[in-house]
């Protein structure tokens, strides 16, 4: 569980930082208070994404395993 929380925390920082920076810069441009607006958006996004990664992540992992299960089997059959 510690590994999943660490993954969610690190992945959350990276993804929310990049996306919030991109969207704020596209939508309002580099205005005088850009840094404050961006950091506020980043913090809000981060607080949302951590629970989402922890709850949706396992479902996505199972989906990916199911999607590629046949591909792995076919590789060994060939």
C-alpha atoms as a PDB file:
ATOM      1  CA  UNK A   1       0.000   0.000   0.000  1.00  0.00           C
ATOM      2  CA  UNK A   2       2.895   2.378   0.729  1.00  0.00           C
ATOM      3  CA  UNK A   3       4.166   1.808  -2.797  1.00  0.00           C
ATOM      4  CA  UNK A   4       0.765   2.697  -4.294  1.00  0.00           C
ATOM      5  CA  UNK A   5       0.524   5.873  -2.202  1.00  0.00           C
ATOM      6  CA  UNK A   6       4.063   6.909  -3.175  1.00  0.00           C
ATOM      7  CA  UNK A   7       3.277   6.245  -6.841  1.00  0.00           C
ATOM      8  CA  UNK A   8       0.057   8.287  -6.608  1.00  0.00           C
ATOM      9  CA  UNK A   9       1.852  11.154  -4.881  1.00  0.00           C
ATOM     10  CA  UNK A  10       4.710  11.342  -7.386  1.00  0.00           C
ATOM     11  CA  UNK A  11       2.538  10.770 -10.448  1.00  0.00           C
ATOM     12  CA  UNK A  12       0.084  13.352  -9.131  1.00  0.00           C
ATOM     13  CA  UNK A  13       2.772  16.013  -8.736  1.00  0.00           C
ATOM     14  CA  UNK A  14       4.118  15.476 -12.229  1.00  0.00           C
ATOM     15  CA  UNK A  15       0.840  15.215 -14.123  1.00  0.00           C
ATOM     16  CA  UNK A  16      -1.071  17.943 -12.320  1.00  0.00           C
ATOM     17  CA  UNK A  17       1.921  20.274 -12.529  1.00  0.00           C
ATOM     18  CA  UNK A  18       2.304  19.869 -16.278  1.00  0.00           C
ATOM     19  CA  UNK A  19      -1.400  19.978 -17.089  1.00  0.00           C
ATOM     20  CA  UNK A  20      -2.254  22.883 -14.789  1.00  0.00           C
ATOM     21  CA  UNK A  21       0.706  24.909 -16.108  1.00  0.00           C
ATOM     22  CA  UNK A  22      -0.319  24.218 -19.696  1.00  0.00           C
ATOM     23  CA  UNK A  23      -3.991  25.032 -19.213  1.00  0.00           C
ATOM     24  CA  UNK A  24      -3.430  28.179 -17.166  1.00  0.00           C
ATOM     25  CA  UNK A  25      -0.868  29.498 -19.647  1.00  0.00           C
ATOM     26  CA  UNK A  26      -3.174  28.739 -22.604  1.00  0.00           C
ATOM     27  CA  UNK A  27      -6.310  30.167 -21.000  1.00  0.00           C
ATOM     28  CA  UNK A  28      -5.001  33.322 -19.319  1.00  0.00           C
ATOM     29  CA  UNK A  29      -1.458  33.701 -20.623  1.00  0.00           C
ATOM     30  CA  UNK A  30       1.538  34.798 -18.616  1.00  0.00           C
ATOM     31  CA  UNK A  31      -0.094  37.604 -16.641  1.00  0.00           C
ATOM     32  CA  UNK A  32       1.430  39.366 -13.643  1.00  0.00           C
ATOM     33  CA  UNK A  33      -0.071  36.968 -11.084  1.00  0.00           C
ATOM     34  CA  UNK A  34       0.414  33.852 -13.213  1.00  0.00           C
ATOM     35  CA  UNK A  35       2.475  32.045 -10.580  1.00  0.00           C
ATOM     36  CA  UNK A  36      -0.191  32.507  -7.875  1.00  0.00           C
ATOM     37  CA  UNK A  37      -2.990  31.366 -10.201  1.00  0.00           C
ATOM     38  CA  UNK A  38      -0.972  28.377 -11.390  1.00  0.00           C
ATOM     39  CA  UNK A  39       0.025  27.250  -7.891  1.00  0.00           C
ATOM     40  CA  UNK A  40      -3.585  27.542  -6.693  1.00  0.00           C
ATOM     41  CA  UNK A  41      -4.751  25.464  -9.670  1.00  0.00           C
ATOM     42  CA  UNK A  42      -1.966  22.963  -9.131  1.00  0.00           C
ATOM     43  CA  UNK A  43      -2.822  22.454  -5.451  1.00  0.00           C
ATOM     44  CA  UNK A  44      -6.522  22.030  -6.212  1.00  0.00           C
ATOM     45  CA  UNK A  45      -5.807  19.537  -9.005  1.00  0.00           C
ATOM     46  CA  UNK A  46      -3.387  17.615  -6.796  1.00  0.00           C
ATOM     47  CA  UNK A  47      -5.949  17.279  -4.002  1.00  0.00           C
ATOM     48  CA  UNK A  48      -8.424  15.854  -6.511  1.00  0.00           C
ATOM     49  CA  UNK A  49      -6.089  13.523  -8.394  1.00  0.00           C
ATOM     50  CA  UNK A  50      -4.594  11.593  -5.467  1.00  0.00           C
ATOM     51  CA  UNK A  51      -7.874   9.920  -4.431  1.00  0.00           C
ATOM     52  CA  UNK A  52      -8.711   9.377  -8.103  1.00  0.00           C
ATOM     53  CA  UNK A  53      -5.405   7.626  -8.790  1.00  0.00           C
ATOM     54  CA  UNK A  54      -5.828   5.461  -5.697  1.00  0.00           C
ATOM     55  CA  UNK A  55      -9.396   4.450  -6.559  1.00  0.00           C
ATOM     56  CA  UNK A  56      -9.362   4.326 -10.362  1.00  0.00           C
ATOM     57  CA  UNK A  57      -5.776   3.093 -10.719  1.00  0.00           C
ATOM     58  CA  UNK A  58      -6.442  -0.518  -9.708  1.00  0.00           C
ATOM     59  CA  UNK A  59      -9.381  -0.712 -12.135  1.00  0.00           C
ATOM     60  CA  UNK A  60      -7.232   0.630 -14.970  1.00  0.00           C
ATOM     61  CA  UNK A  61      -4.477  -1.824 -14.068  1.00  0.00           C
ATOM     62  CA  UNK A  62      -6.936  -4.736 -14.299  1.00  0.00           C
ATOM     63  CA  UNK A  63      -8.257  -3.441 -17.620  1.00  0.00           C
ATOM     64  CA  UNK A  64      -4.741  -3.204 -19.061  1.00  0.00           C
ATOM     65  CA  UNK A  65      -3.939  -6.706 -17.834  1.00  0.00           C
ATOM     66  CA  UNK A  66      -7.108  -8.021 -19.484  1.00  0.00           C
ATOM     67  CA  UNK A  67      -6.374  -6.202 -22.743  1.00  0.00           C
ATOM     68  CA  UNK A  68      -2.852  -7.552 -22.987  1.00  0.00           C
ATOM     69  CA  UNK A  69      -3.449 -11.028 -21.570  1.00  0.00           C
ATOM     70  CA  UNK A  70      -4.203 -12.396 -25.037  1.00  0.00           C
ATOM     71  CA  UNK A  71      -1.206 -10.587 -26.515  1.00  0.00           C
ATOM     72  CA  UNK A  72       1.160 -12.254 -24.028  1.00  0.00           C
ATOM     73  CA  UNK A  73      -0.412 -15.647 -24.682  1.00  0.00           C
ATOM     74  CA  UNK A  74      -0.054 -15.189 -28.443  1.00  0.00           C
ATOM     75  CA  UNK A  75       3.628 -14.256 -28.107  1.00  0.00           C
ATOM     76  CA  UNK A  76       4.357 -17.548 -26.385  1.00  0.00           C
ATOM     77  CA  UNK A  77       2.273 -19.546 -28.879  1.00  0.00           C
ATOM     78  CA  UNK A  78       4.222 -18.229 -31.883  1.00  0.00           C
END
